[in-house]
Every structure is written in structure tokens, then in C-alpha cells.
C-alpha atoms as a PDB file:
ATOM      1  CA  MET A   1     100.164 123.301 102.893  1.00  0.00           C
ATOM      2  CA  THR A   2      97.412 120.816 102.011  1.00  0.00           C
ATOM      3  CA  TYR A   3      96.210 117.707 103.847  1.00  0.00           C
ATOM      4  CA  PHE A   4      94.378 114.637 102.630  1.00  0.00           C
ATOM      5  CA  SER A   5      92.837 111.933 104.788  1.00  0.00           C
ATOM      6  CA  GLU A   6      90.698 108.835 104.329  1.00  0.00           C
ATOM      7  CA  LYS A   7      88.798 106.656 106.785  1.00  0.00           C
ATOM      8  CA  LEU A   8      89.945 103.038 106.446  1.00  0.00           C
ATOM      9  CA  ASN A   9      87.398 100.260 106.040  1.00  0.00           C
ATOM     10  CA  GLU A  10      87.610  97.088 108.126  1.00  0.00           C
ATOM     11  CA  ALA A  11      89.750  95.238 105.565  1.00  0.00           C
ATOM     12  CA  LYS A  12      92.307  98.041 105.323  1.00  0.00           C
ATOM     13  CA  LYS A  13      92.472  98.424 109.107  1.00  0.00           C
ATOM     14  CA  LYS A  14      93.991  94.928 109.116  1.00  0.00           C
ATOM     15  CA  TYR A  15      96.858  95.997 106.830  1.00  0.00           C
ATOM     16  CA  SER A  16     100.357  95.909 108.309  1.00  0.00           C
ATOM     17  CA  SER A  17     101.855  99.329 109.095  1.00  0.00           C
ATOM     18  CA  TYR A  18     103.978  98.974 105.941  1.00  0.00           C
ATOM     19  CA  ASP A  19     100.893  98.372 103.801  1.00  0.00           C
ATOM     20  CA  LYS A  20      99.029 101.265 105.421  1.00  0.00           C
ATOM     21  CA  GLU A  21     101.888 103.636 104.638  1.00  0.00           C
ATOM     22  CA  PHE A  22     102.199 102.234 101.097  1.00  0.00           C
ATOM     23  CA  TYR A  23      98.428 102.589 100.566  1.00  0.00           C
ATOM     24  CA  ALA A  24      98.547 106.170 101.864  1.00  0.00           C
ATOM     25  CA  VAL A  25     101.231 107.030  99.299  1.00  0.00           C
ATOM     26  CA  VAL A  26      99.189 105.546  96.456  1.00  0.00           C
ATOM     27  CA  GLN A  27      95.999 107.330  97.512  1.00  0.00           C
ATOM     28  CA  ALA A  28      97.790 110.659  97.945  1.00  0.00           C
ATOM     29  CA  LEU A  29      99.293 110.398  94.456  1.00  0.00           C
ATOM     30  CA  LYS A  30      95.873 109.568  93.020  1.00  0.00           C
ATOM     31  CA  LYS A  31      94.436 112.617  94.783  1.00  0.00           C
ATOM     32  CA  TRP A  32      97.070 115.023  93.442  1.00  0.00           C
ATOM     33  CA  ARG A  33      97.836 113.177  90.201  1.00  0.00           C
ATOM     34  CA  HIS A  34      96.923 116.134  87.959  1.00  0.00           C
ATOM     35  CA  TYR A  35      99.614 118.233  89.674  1.00  0.00           C
ATOM     36  CA  LEU A  36     102.336 115.587  89.818  1.00  0.00           C
ATOM     37  CA  LEU A  37     102.301 113.624  86.558  1.00  0.00           C
ATOM     38  CA  GLN A  38     104.324 116.155  84.592  1.00  0.00           C
ATOM     39  CA  LYS A  39     106.762 116.981  87.384  1.00  0.00           C
ATOM     40  CA  GLU A  40     109.650 115.371  89.217  1.00  0.00           C
ATOM     41  CA  PHE A  41     109.111 115.484  92.980  1.00  0.00           C
ATOM     42  CA  VAL A  42     110.333 114.194  96.335  1.00  0.00           C
ATOM     43  CA  LEU A  43     108.024 112.063  98.491  1.00  0.00           C
ATOM     44  CA  TYR A  44     108.808 112.136 102.202  1.00  0.00           C
ATOM     45  CA  SER A  45     107.714 109.305 104.498  1.00  0.00           C
ATOM     46  CA  ASP A  46     108.541 108.364 108.100  1.00  0.00           C
ATOM     47  CA  ASN A  47     108.364 104.680 107.088  1.00  0.00           C
ATOM     48  CA  HIS A  48     111.996 103.751 106.365  1.00  0.00           C
ATOM     49  CA  ALA A  49     111.106 100.584 104.433  1.00  0.00           C
ATOM     50  CA  LEU A  50     109.214 102.445 101.713  1.00  0.00           C
ATOM     51  CA  GLN A  51     112.523 103.723 100.348  1.00  0.00           C
ATOM     52  CA  PHE A  52     113.224 100.211  99.078  1.00  0.00           C
ATOM     53  CA  VAL A  53     109.848  99.427  97.523  1.00  0.00           C
ATOM     54  CA  ASN A  54     111.224  99.419  93.972  1.00  0.00           C
ATOM     55  CA  ASN A  55     114.020  97.034  94.953  1.00  0.00           C
ATOM     56  CA  GLN A  56     111.842  94.169  96.212  1.00  0.00           C
ATOM     57  CA  LEU A  57     112.519  91.035  94.176  1.00  0.00           C
ATOM     58  CA  LYS A  58     109.197  89.423  95.075  1.00  0.00           C
ATOM     59  CA  LEU A  59     105.912  91.326  95.165  1.00  0.00           C
ATOM     60  CA  ASN A  60     102.479  90.066  96.063  1.00  0.00           C
ATOM     61  CA  GLN A  61      99.594  90.982  93.759  1.00  0.00           C
ATOM     62  CA  LYS A  62      98.563  94.038  95.769  1.00  0.00           C
ATOM     63  CA  HIS A  63     102.078  95.480  95.961  1.00  0.00           C
ATOM     64  CA  ALA A  64     102.717  94.771  92.274  1.00  0.00           C
ATOM     65  CA  LYS A  65      99.603  96.747  91.338  1.00  0.00           C
ATOM     66  CA  TRP A  66     100.668  99.661  93.525  1.00  0.00           C
ATOM     67  CA  VAL A  67     104.233  99.655  92.179  1.00  0.00           C
ATOM     68  CA  GLU A  68     102.904  99.663  88.616  1.00  0.00           C
ATOM     69  CA  PHE A  69     100.850 102.769  89.454  1.00  0.00           C
ATOM     70  CA  LEU A  70     103.852 104.502  91.056  1.00  0.00           C
ATOM     71  CA  GLN A  71     105.909 103.930  87.918  1.00  0.00           C
ATOM     72  CA  SER A  72     103.758 106.464  86.070  1.00  0.00           C
ATOM     73  CA  PHE A  73     105.343 109.184  88.224  1.00  0.00           C
ATOM     74  CA  THR A  74     108.876 110.553  88.408  1.00  0.00           C
ATOM     75  CA  PHE A  75     109.933 110.870  92.040  1.00  0.00           C
ATOM     76  CA  VAL A  76     112.277 109.732  94.783  1.00  0.00           C
ATOM     77  CA  ILE A  77     111.268 108.598  98.272  1.00  0.00           C
ATOM     78  CA  LYS A  78     113.167 110.044 101.203  1.00  0.00           C
ATOM     79  CA  HIS A  79     112.844 109.009 104.836  1.00  0.00           C
ATOM     80  CA  THR A  80     112.102 111.715 107.377  1.00  0.00           C
ATOM     81  CA  SER A  81     111.946 111.002 111.093  1.00  0.00           C
ATOM     82  CA  GLY A  82     108.614 111.452 112.801  1.00  0.00           C
ATOM     83  CA  LYS A  83     110.394 113.817 115.206  1.00  0.00           C
ATOM     84  CA  LEU A  84     111.139 116.130 112.259  1.00  0.00           C
ATOM     85  CA  ASN A  85     107.692 115.748 110.735  1.00  0.00           C
ATOM     86  CA  LYS A  86     105.932 116.990 113.869  1.00  0.00           C
ATOM     87  CA  VAL A  87     102.657 118.210 112.342  1.00  0.00           C
ATOM     88  CA  VAL A  88     101.825 114.965 110.559  1.00  0.00           C
ATOM     89  CA  ASP A  89     103.217 112.916 113.414  1.00  0.00           C
ATOM     90  CA  ALA A  90     100.978 114.585 115.980  1.00  0.00           C
ATOM     91  CA  LEU A  91      97.909 114.142 113.784  1.00  0.00           C
ATOM     92  CA  SER A  92      98.374 110.486 112.947  1.00  0.00           C
ATOM     93  CA  ARG A  93     100.824 108.566 115.121  1.00  0.00           C
ATOM     94  CA  VAL A  94      98.665 107.634 118.121  1.00  0.00           C
ATOM     95  CA  ASN A  95      95.652 106.917 115.892  1.00  0.00           C
ATOM     96  CA  LEU A  96      97.693 104.665 113.606  1.00  0.00           C
ATOM     97  CA  ILE A  97      99.059 102.659 116.521  1.00  0.00           C
ATOM     98  CA  MET A  98      95.590 102.254 118.007  1.00  0.00           C
ATOM     99  CA  GLN A  99      94.213 101.050 114.653  1.00  0.00           C
ATOM    100  CA  GLU A 100      97.036  98.533 114.345  1.00  0.00           C
ATOM    101  CA  LEU A 101      96.455  97.160 117.816  1.00  0.00           C
ATOM    102  CA  GLN A 102      92.702  96.969 117.324  1.00  0.00           C
ATOM    103  CA  ALA A 103      93.271  95.050 114.090  1.00  0.00           C
ATOM    104  CA  GLY A 104      94.667  92.217 116.180  1.00  0.00           C
ATOM    105  CA  VAL A 105      98.424  92.582 115.822  1.00  0.00           C
ATOM    106  CA  VAL A 106      98.644  92.507 119.574  1.00  0.00           C
ATOM    107  CA  GLY A 107      96.052  92.638 122.310  1.00  0.00           C
ATOM    108  CA  PHE A 108      96.105  95.723 124.508  1.00  0.00           C
ATOM    109  CA  GLU A 109      93.095  95.655 126.811  1.00  0.00           C
ATOM    110  CA  GLU A 110      95.183  94.098 129.602  1.00  0.00           C
ATOM    111  CA  MET A 111      98.101  96.498 129.181  1.00  0.00           C
ATOM    112  CA  VAL A 112      96.833  99.058 131.693  1.00  0.00           C
ATOM    113  CA  ASP A 113      97.122  96.506 134.497  1.00  0.00           C
ATOM    114  CA  MET A 114     100.498  95.351 133.153  1.00  0.00           C
ATOM    115  CA  TYR A 115     101.926  98.868 133.472  1.00  0.00           C
ATOM    116  CA  LYS A 116     101.064  98.872 137.161  1.00  0.00           C
ATOM    117  CA  GLU A 117     103.196  95.762 137.753  1.00  0.00           C
ATOM    118  CA  ASP A 118     105.982  96.293 135.214  1.00  0.00           C
ATOM    119  CA  THR A 119     109.363  97.050 136.817  1.00  0.00           C
ATOM    120  CA  LYS A 120     110.246  99.589 134.101  1.00  0.00           C
ATOM    121  CA  PHE A 121     106.959 101.403 133.679  1.00  0.00           C
ATOM    122  CA  LYS A 122     105.007 101.224 136.956  1.00  0.00           C
ATOM    123  CA  GLU A 123     106.661 104.297 138.485  1.00  0.00           C
ATOM    124  CA  ILE A 124     106.369 106.281 135.256  1.00  0.00           C
ATOM    125  CA  TYR A 125     102.720 105.286 134.748  1.00  0.00           C
ATOM    126  CA  ALA A 126     101.801 106.320 138.290  1.00  0.00           C
ATOM    127  CA  ALA A 127     103.586 109.669 137.950  1.00  0.00           C
ATOM    128  CA  VAL A 128     101.966 110.532 134.619  1.00  0.00           C
ATOM    129  CA  LYS A 129      98.514 109.410 135.737  1.00  0.00           C
ATOM    130  CA  ASN A 130      98.591 111.307 139.044  1.00  0.00           C
ATOM    131  CA  PRO A 131     101.041 114.225 138.691  1.00  0.00           C
ATOM    132  CA  ALA A 132      99.589 115.953 141.756  1.00  0.00           C
ATOM    133  CA  VAL A 133     100.674 113.016 143.914  1.00  0.00           C
ATOM    134  CA  HIS A 134     103.879 111.960 142.156  1.00  0.00           C
ATOM    135  CA  ASN A 135     106.799 113.987 140.829  1.00  0.00           C
ATOM    136  CA  ARG A 136     106.683 113.605 137.056  1.00  0.00           C
ATOM    137  CA  SER A 137     109.280 116.247 136.200  1.00  0.00           C
ATOM    138  CA  GLN A 138     111.669 113.565 134.925  1.00  0.00           C
ATOM    139  CA  TRP A 139     108.938 111.918 132.806  1.00  0.00           C
ATOM    140  CA  LEU A 140     107.850 114.908 130.709  1.00  0.00           C
ATOM    141  CA  ASP A 141     108.202 113.002 127.418  1.00  0.00           C
ATOM    142  CA  TYR A 142     105.571 110.469 128.541  1.00  0.00           C
ATOM    143  CA  LEU A 143     101.786 110.759 128.236  1.00  0.00           C
ATOM    144  CA  ILE A 144      98.749 108.535 128.735  1.00  0.00           C
ATOM    145  CA  GLN A 145      96.233 108.185 125.907  1.00  0.00           C
ATOM    146  CA  GLY A 146      93.232 105.888 126.234  1.00  0.00           C
ATOM    147  CA  GLY A 147      94.821 104.328 129.300  1.00  0.00           C
ATOM    148  CA  LEU A 148      97.984 103.456 127.344  1.00  0.00           C
ATOM    149  CA  LEU A 149     101.428 104.885 128.063  1.00  0.00           C
ATOM    150  CA  PHE A 150     103.338 106.632 125.277  1.00  0.00           C
ATOM    151  CA  LYS A 151     106.889 107.941 125.166  1.00  0.00           C
ATOM    152  CA  SER A 152     107.357 110.647 122.522  1.00  0.00           C
ATOM    153  CA  ASN A 153     104.392 109.196 120.578  1.00  0.00           C
ATOM    154  CA  LYS A 154     105.772 105.649 120.824  1.00  0.00           C
ATOM    155  CA  LEU A 155     103.587 103.107 122.598  1.00  0.00           C
ATOM    156  CA  CYS A 156     105.315 101.671 125.680  1.00  0.00           C
ATOM    157  CA  ILE A 157     105.102  97.868 125.800  1.00  0.00           C
ATOM    158  CA  PRO A 158     105.397  96.213 129.231  1.00  0.00           C
ATOM    159  CA  LYS A 159     107.398  92.993 129.485  1.00  0.00           C
ATOM    160  CA  CYS A 160     105.178  90.282 127.968  1.00  0.00           C
ATOM    161  CA  SER A 161     104.658  88.164 124.831  1.00  0.00           C
ATOM    162  CA  MET A 162     103.402  91.252 122.949  1.00  0.00           C
ATOM    163  CA  MET A 163     107.011  92.253 122.357  1.00  0.00           C
ATOM    164  CA  GLU A 164     107.734  89.212 120.200  1.00  0.00           C
ATOM    165  CA  ASN A 165     104.390  89.549 118.396  1.00  0.00           C
ATOM    166  CA  ILE A 166     105.240  93.120 117.402  1.00  0.00           C
ATOM    167  CA  ILE A 167     108.735  92.202 116.192  1.00  0.00           C
ATOM    168  CA  LYS A 168     107.309  89.291 114.196  1.00  0.00           C
ATOM    169  CA  GLU A 169     104.721  91.509 112.494  1.00  0.00           C
ATOM    170  CA  LYS A 170     107.270  94.209 111.648  1.00  0.00           C
ATOM    171  CA  HIS A 171     109.861  91.666 110.495  1.00  0.00           C
ATOM    172  CA  SER A 172     107.480  90.208 107.904  1.00  0.00           C
ATOM    173  CA  GLY A 173     106.123  93.618 106.853  1.00  0.00           C
ATOM    174  CA  GLY A 174     103.398  91.918 104.836  1.00  0.00           C
ATOM    175  CA  LEU A 175     106.021  90.853 102.279  1.00  0.00           C
ATOM    176  CA  PRO A 176     106.814  87.406 100.830  1.00  0.00           C
ATOM    177  CA  GLY A 177     110.358  87.843 102.167  1.00  0.00           C
ATOM    178  CA  HIS A 178     111.359  89.388 105.506  1.00  0.00           C
ATOM    179  CA  PHE A 179     113.207  92.579 106.376  1.00  0.00           C
ATOM    180  CA  ARG A 180     116.800  92.587 107.567  1.00  0.00           C
ATOM    181  CA  GLN A 181     117.613  93.199 111.216  1.00  0.00           C
ATOM    182  CA  ASP A 182     118.279  96.941 110.870  1.00  0.00           C
ATOM    183  CA  MET A 183     115.099  97.548 108.887  1.00  0.00           C
ATOM    184  CA  THR A 184     113.048  95.417 111.271  1.00  0.00           C
ATOM    185  CA  PHE A 185     114.314  97.437 114.228  1.00  0.00           C
ATOM    186  CA  SER A 186     113.590 100.678 112.369  1.00  0.00           C
ATOM    187  CA  GLN A 187     109.988  99.548 111.879  1.00  0.00           C
ATOM    188  CA  VAL A 188     109.556  98.569 115.530  1.00  0.00           C
ATOM    189  CA  ASN A 189     111.324 101.675 116.816  1.00  0.00           C
ATOM    190  CA  SER A 190     109.092 103.976 114.758  1.00  0.00           C
ATOM    191  CA  PHE A 191     106.008 103.071 116.776  1.00  0.00           C
ATOM    192  CA  TYR A 192     106.975 101.260 119.989  1.00  0.00           C
ATOM    193  CA  TYR A 193     109.297 101.533 122.964  1.00  0.00           C
ATOM    194  CA  TRP A 194     110.579  99.156 125.621  1.00  0.00           C
ATOM    195  CA  PRO A 195     113.999  98.627 127.250  1.00  0.00           C
ATOM    196  CA  LYS A 196     116.475  96.491 125.270  1.00  0.00           C
ATOM    197  CA  MET A 197     114.208  96.564 122.219  1.00  0.00           C
ATOM    198  CA  GLN A 198     117.152  96.462 119.815  1.00  0.00           C
ATOM    199  CA  THR A 199     118.601  93.404 121.556  1.00  0.00           C
ATOM    200  CA  ASP A 200     115.229  91.620 121.428  1.00  0.00           C
ATOM    201  CA  THR A 201     114.874  92.434 117.728  1.00  0.00           C
ATOM    202  CA  LYS A 202     118.376  91.141 116.943  1.00  0.00           C
ATOM    203  CA  ARG A 203     117.708  87.896 118.811  1.00  0.00           C
ATOM    204  CA  PHE A 204     114.399  87.324 116.993  1.00  0.00           C
ATOM    205  CA  VAL A 205     115.777  88.024 113.501  1.00  0.00           C
ATOM    206  CA  GLU A 206     118.734  85.734 114.066  1.00  0.00           C
ATOM    207  CA  LYS A 207     116.346  82.891 114.908  1.00  0.00           C
ATOM    208  CA  CYS A 208     114.107  83.522 111.870  1.00  0.00           C
ATOM    209  CA  ARG A 209     114.646  80.947 109.107  1.00  0.00           C
ATOM    210  CA  ILE A 210     113.056  82.967 106.294  1.00  0.00           C
END
């Protein structure tokens, strides 16, 4: 098994999660091009939306360039859940979320205090932070990283305006058009967690006029 990584510059850190995943695919194929050009292969990604990249009717200049490059290869893209792709998921998931937040998709510096007041997360946060004082046996799938609460590598979002900001960013996906409700939820659900997230996503998409 071989791994390839690249440190993103400031401009690329501001990419949407869709664009980051798309860029990673392009760079990986460039890296291993000499092995792949003459072969048919399967490309696995935990980003569900990438399966439909060749079916987008409208492409911005960046995506069009990337799609043109991909067309020199013979392959199919298959979605694999992050839960099944545990090695890659453990190496990249938390870091990718942190990069996305730092790029300004949502603010997160105040989230630590929000956890302490949130009706859903305050008990969990206290138990994970101080297991010697609180019983955290029922919260084993939660962890704290950099002061932020994660559930199975998904960032927990306390009840605030950040929820709508995240849905909005995932709904647009950096595309001229917007994703459907199911794909939008898949994008949000891949990285974030909060109660009634699917209901909130449905309500937002139904109100969107694009």
C-alpha cells in the first residue's frame, strides 16, 4: 500500500470540501500516471458527490480543466464510507475538517464555550473532558481534539447559526448549480453531526431558489 500527501497553500485551503477531494484525485492521478494510463482501474472516494463529476451540465473553468485531465484515464469512481476506509479516515478526517473551518466556512473559536451550554452536548463534553469525574462509558464514540468535540470523526456542532452556514456551503459544493437534498445531506453527514441534521438540511434545500 502506498500513500501520497501534499501540503495545501493558502488558496487551496479555501477550497470547498468537494474541491479539495476533487483536487486530491487529480494530484494522485498525476503522481501515479505512469502506472495508470494503460490500465482500467477503480477509484474509491468517501466523497459521494465525486461519483457524479462527469454528469455535471455546467462546469467552472477549474472543474472543466480537471475533468479534461481525468478523461485521459479509464476508470470508474466508487463511493466508500469513511467508516470502511478506516486508515485514510483516521489520517485525514480531523485535519480536513480543521482546515475547512480555519478557511472561514464557519467560525469555531467560540464553540468550546457553546458545548458547555448546549442542551445536547454539555453532558457529553464534560464526560469526555473529565472521565475521572464523569461516567463516559456511554460516550465512547466521542473524543475531544483541539478543544472541539467529535463523534466518530464527525465534528459536533452545537445549536447556533453555524449549522445553516455548513449546510449552505455543502449545498453549493463550489458548483454553478446546487446539489439535491440527498446529496447535500450526504456531504454534511460525512463531516459533521448534530441532532435533527437531516431535517435541517431538508428545510434549507426546500427554501433554496437555485
